[in-house]
């Protein structure tokens, strides 16, 4: 009986606190309320507010046509912020759900303060790594000079 009660409480909390996100005919519905418009093709999803102004763009990019290198790029238009992610290949639904969960999307509008935190959390700087602009430090250890002649190591 305790397990049944616990399961009921768990599922009721999901229903009460989780927000339902649906995409129908170019409109994003959050808890059955029209929140944003969207337009998509195979490589891009553009989100607009209900007035039709662009607010964010989701792009799927394959550098050099490699399937294994697919990554997502999200551009937030008004705040001039962007992020790239290879670990999360954001779908349009996953993006909206993550924005809602992090409170970066509240009352159908982007919260600029929470959006900065969202970008810091998910940005993997994929394009910087691909373009060689990474700020990672590489340390190369030089091996000590060997004496001239034949060097045979057995069992090492």
C-alpha atoms as a PDB file:
ATOM      1  CA  UNK A   1       0.000   0.000   0.000  1.00  0.00           C
ATOM      2  CA  UNK A   2       2.896   2.368   0.798  1.00  0.00           C
ATOM      3  CA  UNK A   3       4.444   1.739  -2.616  1.00  0.00           C
ATOM      4  CA  UNK A   4       1.157   2.507  -4.350  1.00  0.00           C
ATOM      5  CA  UNK A   5       0.758   5.746  -2.395  1.00  0.00           C
ATOM      6  CA  UNK A   6       4.370   6.729  -3.110  1.00  0.00           C
ATOM      7  CA  UNK A   7       3.942   6.042  -6.834  1.00  0.00           C
ATOM      8  CA  UNK A   8       0.731   8.101  -6.896  1.00  0.00           C
ATOM      9  CA  UNK A   9       2.446  11.044  -5.183  1.00  0.00           C
ATOM     10  CA  UNK A  10       5.392  10.852  -7.572  1.00  0.00           C
ATOM     11  CA  UNK A  11       3.244  10.880 -10.715  1.00  0.00           C
ATOM     12  CA  UNK A  12       0.929  13.569  -9.379  1.00  0.00           C
ATOM     13  CA  UNK A  13       3.942  15.800  -8.682  1.00  0.00           C
ATOM     14  CA  UNK A  14       5.106  15.328 -12.284  1.00  0.00           C
ATOM     15  CA  UNK A  15       1.695  16.345 -13.556  1.00  0.00           C
ATOM     16  CA  UNK A  16       1.418  19.328 -11.219  1.00  0.00           C
ATOM     17  CA  UNK A  17       4.946  20.733 -11.663  1.00  0.00           C
ATOM     18  CA  UNK A  18       5.890  19.632 -15.180  1.00  0.00           C
ATOM     19  CA  UNK A  19       4.861  21.890 -18.018  1.00  0.00           C
ATOM     20  CA  UNK A  20       3.330  20.355 -21.092  1.00  0.00           C
ATOM     21  CA  UNK A  21       5.038  21.528 -24.303  1.00  0.00           C
ATOM     22  CA  UNK A  22       3.384  20.878 -27.685  1.00  0.00           C
ATOM     23  CA  UNK A  23       4.112  21.999 -31.238  1.00  0.00           C
ATOM     24  CA  UNK A  24       1.106  22.322 -33.548  1.00  0.00           C
ATOM     25  CA  UNK A  25       0.813  24.090 -36.903  1.00  0.00           C
ATOM     26  CA  UNK A  26       3.653  26.542 -36.310  1.00  0.00           C
ATOM     27  CA  UNK A  27       2.705  27.417 -32.711  1.00  0.00           C
ATOM     28  CA  UNK A  28       4.400  26.361 -29.453  1.00  0.00           C
ATOM     29  CA  UNK A  29       1.843  25.609 -26.747  1.00  0.00           C
ATOM     30  CA  UNK A  30       2.896  25.529 -23.106  1.00  0.00           C
ATOM     31  CA  UNK A  31       0.178  24.082 -20.878  1.00  0.00           C
ATOM     32  CA  UNK A  32      -2.321  24.576 -23.741  1.00  0.00           C
ATOM     33  CA  UNK A  33      -1.504  28.298 -24.008  1.00  0.00           C
ATOM     34  CA  UNK A  34      -0.109  29.638 -27.293  1.00  0.00           C
ATOM     35  CA  UNK A  35       3.304  30.956 -26.326  1.00  0.00           C
ATOM     36  CA  UNK A  36       5.495  31.310 -29.426  1.00  0.00           C
ATOM     37  CA  UNK A  37       5.479  30.709 -33.139  1.00  0.00           C
ATOM     38  CA  UNK A  38       8.043  28.569 -34.893  1.00  0.00           C
ATOM     39  CA  UNK A  39       9.137  27.844 -38.435  1.00  0.00           C
ATOM     40  CA  UNK A  40      11.396  24.925 -39.263  1.00  0.00           C
ATOM     41  CA  UNK A  41      13.163  23.082 -42.028  1.00  0.00           C
ATOM     42  CA  UNK A  42      15.686  20.243 -41.960  1.00  0.00           C
ATOM     43  CA  UNK A  43      18.561  22.335 -40.565  1.00  0.00           C
ATOM     44  CA  UNK A  44      17.002  25.341 -38.808  1.00  0.00           C
ATOM     45  CA  UNK A  45      14.207  26.182 -36.397  1.00  0.00           C
ATOM     46  CA  UNK A  46      13.283  29.828 -35.932  1.00  0.00           C
ATOM     47  CA  UNK A  47      11.228  30.867 -32.894  1.00  0.00           C
ATOM     48  CA  UNK A  48       9.209  34.083 -32.846  1.00  0.00           C
ATOM     49  CA  UNK A  49       7.096  35.773 -30.208  1.00  0.00           C
ATOM     50  CA  UNK A  50       3.374  35.937 -30.930  1.00  0.00           C
ATOM     51  CA  UNK A  51       3.909  39.288 -32.725  1.00  0.00           C
ATOM     52  CA  UNK A  52       6.196  37.545 -35.237  1.00  0.00           C
ATOM     53  CA  UNK A  53       9.516  39.016 -34.009  1.00  0.00           C
ATOM     54  CA  UNK A  54      12.448  36.550 -34.043  1.00  0.00           C
ATOM     55  CA  UNK A  55      13.660  35.645 -30.556  1.00  0.00           C
ATOM     56  CA  UNK A  56      15.894  32.590 -31.109  1.00  0.00           C
ATOM     57  CA  UNK A  57      17.230  30.326 -33.827  1.00  0.00           C
ATOM     58  CA  UNK A  58      18.210  26.671 -33.479  1.00  0.00           C
ATOM     59  CA  UNK A  59      20.625  25.358 -36.120  1.00  0.00           C
ATOM     60  CA  UNK A  60      21.932  21.866 -36.788  1.00  0.00           C
ATOM     61  CA  UNK A  61      25.433  21.994 -38.228  1.00  0.00           C
ATOM     62  CA  UNK A  62      27.600  19.242 -39.710  1.00  0.00           C
ATOM     63  CA  UNK A  63      31.117  20.521 -40.335  1.00  0.00           C
ATOM     64  CA  UNK A  64      32.609  19.019 -43.472  1.00  0.00           C
ATOM     65  CA  UNK A  65      29.484  16.878 -43.876  1.00  0.00           C
ATOM     66  CA  UNK A  66      30.511  14.486 -41.091  1.00  0.00           C
ATOM     67  CA  UNK A  67      27.555  12.815 -39.381  1.00  0.00           C
ATOM     68  CA  UNK A  68      29.575  12.143 -36.235  1.00  0.00           C
ATOM     69  CA  UNK A  69      30.409  15.838 -35.811  1.00  0.00           C
ATOM     70  CA  UNK A  70      26.786  17.086 -35.732  1.00  0.00           C
ATOM     71  CA  UNK A  71      26.233  19.866 -33.221  1.00  0.00           C
ATOM     72  CA  UNK A  72      23.532  22.372 -32.274  1.00  0.00           C
ATOM     73  CA  UNK A  73      23.913  26.123 -32.381  1.00  0.00           C
ATOM     74  CA  UNK A  74      21.364  28.300 -30.597  1.00  0.00           C
ATOM     75  CA  UNK A  75      21.306  32.037 -31.213  1.00  0.00           C
ATOM     76  CA  UNK A  76      19.321  34.307 -28.898  1.00  0.00           C
ATOM     77  CA  UNK A  77      18.562  37.317 -31.087  1.00  0.00           C
ATOM     78  CA  UNK A  78      17.734  40.111 -28.629  1.00  0.00           C
ATOM     79  CA  UNK A  79      20.537  39.421 -26.157  1.00  0.00           C
ATOM     80  CA  UNK A  80      23.140  38.683 -28.878  1.00  0.00           C
ATOM     81  CA  UNK A  81      24.128  35.468 -27.095  1.00  0.00           C
ATOM     82  CA  UNK A  82      24.754  32.082 -28.611  1.00  0.00           C
ATOM     83  CA  UNK A  83      25.813  28.630 -27.594  1.00  0.00           C
ATOM     84  CA  UNK A  84      27.005  25.513 -29.347  1.00  0.00           C
ATOM     85  CA  UNK A  85      26.534  22.006 -28.019  1.00  0.00           C
ATOM     86  CA  UNK A  86      27.632  18.614 -29.198  1.00  0.00           C
ATOM     87  CA  UNK A  87      26.656  16.638 -26.072  1.00  0.00           C
ATOM     88  CA  UNK A  88      23.050  17.765 -26.309  1.00  0.00           C
ATOM     89  CA  UNK A  89      21.773  17.790 -29.854  1.00  0.00           C
ATOM     90  CA  UNK A  90      18.867  20.054 -28.979  1.00  0.00           C
ATOM     91  CA  UNK A  91      15.538  19.311 -30.575  1.00  0.00           C
ATOM     92  CA  UNK A  92      13.013  22.118 -30.604  1.00  0.00           C
ATOM     93  CA  UNK A  93      11.077  20.445 -27.785  1.00  0.00           C
ATOM     94  CA  UNK A  94      14.194  19.740 -25.689  1.00  0.00           C
ATOM     95  CA  UNK A  95      15.307  23.358 -26.098  1.00  0.00           C
ATOM     96  CA  UNK A  96      11.971  24.764 -24.899  1.00  0.00           C
ATOM     97  CA  UNK A  97      11.810  22.270 -22.006  1.00  0.00           C
ATOM     98  CA  UNK A  98      15.363  23.132 -20.870  1.00  0.00           C
ATOM     99  CA  UNK A  99      14.605  26.862 -21.102  1.00  0.00           C
ATOM    100  CA  UNK A 100      11.461  26.369 -19.008  1.00  0.00           C
ATOM    101  CA  UNK A 101      13.235  24.220 -16.427  1.00  0.00           C
ATOM    102  CA  UNK A 102      16.001  26.791 -15.995  1.00  0.00           C
ATOM    103  CA  UNK A 103      13.444  29.650 -15.820  1.00  0.00           C
ATOM    104  CA  UNK A 104      15.108  31.305 -18.815  1.00  0.00           C
ATOM    105  CA  UNK A 105      11.668  31.154 -20.481  1.00  0.00           C
ATOM    106  CA  UNK A 106       8.997  32.621 -18.216  1.00  0.00           C
ATOM    107  CA  UNK A 107       5.526  33.777 -19.208  1.00  0.00           C
ATOM    108  CA  UNK A 108       6.393  33.215 -22.878  1.00  0.00           C
ATOM    109  CA  UNK A 109       9.357  35.621 -22.738  1.00  0.00           C
ATOM    110  CA  UNK A 110      13.092  35.123 -22.313  1.00  0.00           C
ATOM    111  CA  UNK A 111      14.520  36.199 -18.944  1.00  0.00           C
ATOM    112  CA  UNK A 112      17.892  37.774 -19.810  1.00  0.00           C
ATOM    113  CA  UNK A 113      19.525  37.063 -16.415  1.00  0.00           C
ATOM    114  CA  UNK A 114      18.540  33.388 -16.447  1.00  0.00           C
ATOM    115  CA  UNK A 115      19.452  33.169 -20.126  1.00  0.00           C
ATOM    116  CA  UNK A 116      23.079  34.114 -19.359  1.00  0.00           C
ATOM    117  CA  UNK A 117      23.232  31.257 -16.862  1.00  0.00           C
ATOM    118  CA  UNK A 118      21.638  28.913 -19.409  1.00  0.00           C
ATOM    119  CA  UNK A 119      24.278  29.814 -22.006  1.00  0.00           C
ATOM    120  CA  UNK A 120      27.103  29.311 -19.502  1.00  0.00           C
ATOM    121  CA  UNK A 121      25.672  25.938 -18.508  1.00  0.00           C
ATOM    122  CA  UNK A 122      25.235  24.465 -21.987  1.00  0.00           C
ATOM    123  CA  UNK A 123      27.817  26.226 -24.189  1.00  0.00           C
ATOM    124  CA  UNK A 124      30.579  23.809 -25.197  1.00  0.00           C
ATOM    125  CA  UNK A 125      32.320  26.248 -27.571  1.00  0.00           C
ATOM    126  CA  UNK A 126      32.273  23.659 -30.361  1.00  0.00           C
ATOM    127  CA  UNK A 127      33.029  26.193 -33.096  1.00  0.00           C
ATOM    128  CA  UNK A 128      36.052  27.527 -31.232  1.00  0.00           C
ATOM    129  CA  UNK A 129      37.489  24.015 -31.046  1.00  0.00           C
ATOM    130  CA  UNK A 130      36.741  23.314 -34.718  1.00  0.00           C
ATOM    131  CA  UNK A 131      38.315  26.597 -35.843  1.00  0.00           C
ATOM    132  CA  UNK A 132      41.397  26.157 -33.673  1.00  0.00           C
ATOM    133  CA  UNK A 133      40.533  29.156 -31.485  1.00  0.00           C
ATOM    134  CA  UNK A 134      40.460  27.126 -28.309  1.00  0.00           C
ATOM    135  CA  UNK A 135      42.058  28.580 -25.204  1.00  0.00           C
ATOM    136  CA  UNK A 136      42.981  25.129 -23.895  1.00  0.00           C
ATOM    137  CA  UNK A 137      46.600  24.814 -22.804  1.00  0.00           C
ATOM    138  CA  UNK A 138      48.625  21.946 -24.221  1.00  0.00           C
ATOM    139  CA  UNK A 139      51.735  20.886 -22.329  1.00  0.00           C
ATOM    140  CA  UNK A 140      54.337  18.931 -24.220  1.00  0.00           C
ATOM    141  CA  UNK A 141      56.886  17.067 -22.156  1.00  0.00           C
ATOM    142  CA  UNK A 142      60.200  16.582 -23.806  1.00  0.00           C
ATOM    143  CA  UNK A 143      61.819  13.200 -23.345  1.00  0.00           C
ATOM    144  CA  UNK A 144      65.353  13.254 -22.012  1.00  0.00           C
ATOM    145  CA  UNK A 145      68.090  12.868 -24.606  1.00  0.00           C
ATOM    146  CA  UNK A 146      69.120   9.282 -25.197  1.00  0.00           C
ATOM    147  CA  UNK A 147      72.742   8.303 -25.554  1.00  0.00           C
ATOM    148  CA  UNK A 148      73.783   7.586 -29.085  1.00  0.00           C
ATOM    149  CA  UNK A 149      73.852   3.974 -30.125  1.00  0.00           C
ATOM    150  CA  UNK A 150      71.349   1.155 -29.924  1.00  0.00           C
ATOM    151  CA  UNK A 151      68.656   1.355 -27.257  1.00  0.00           C
ATOM    152  CA  UNK A 152      66.806  -1.888 -26.522  1.00  0.00           C
ATOM    153  CA  UNK A 153      64.162  -2.062 -23.810  1.00  0.00           C
ATOM    154  CA  UNK A 154      62.729  -5.479 -23.035  1.00  0.00           C
ATOM    155  CA  UNK A 155      59.734  -5.954 -20.754  1.00  0.00           C
ATOM    156  CA  UNK A 156      58.931  -2.315 -20.198  1.00  0.00           C
END
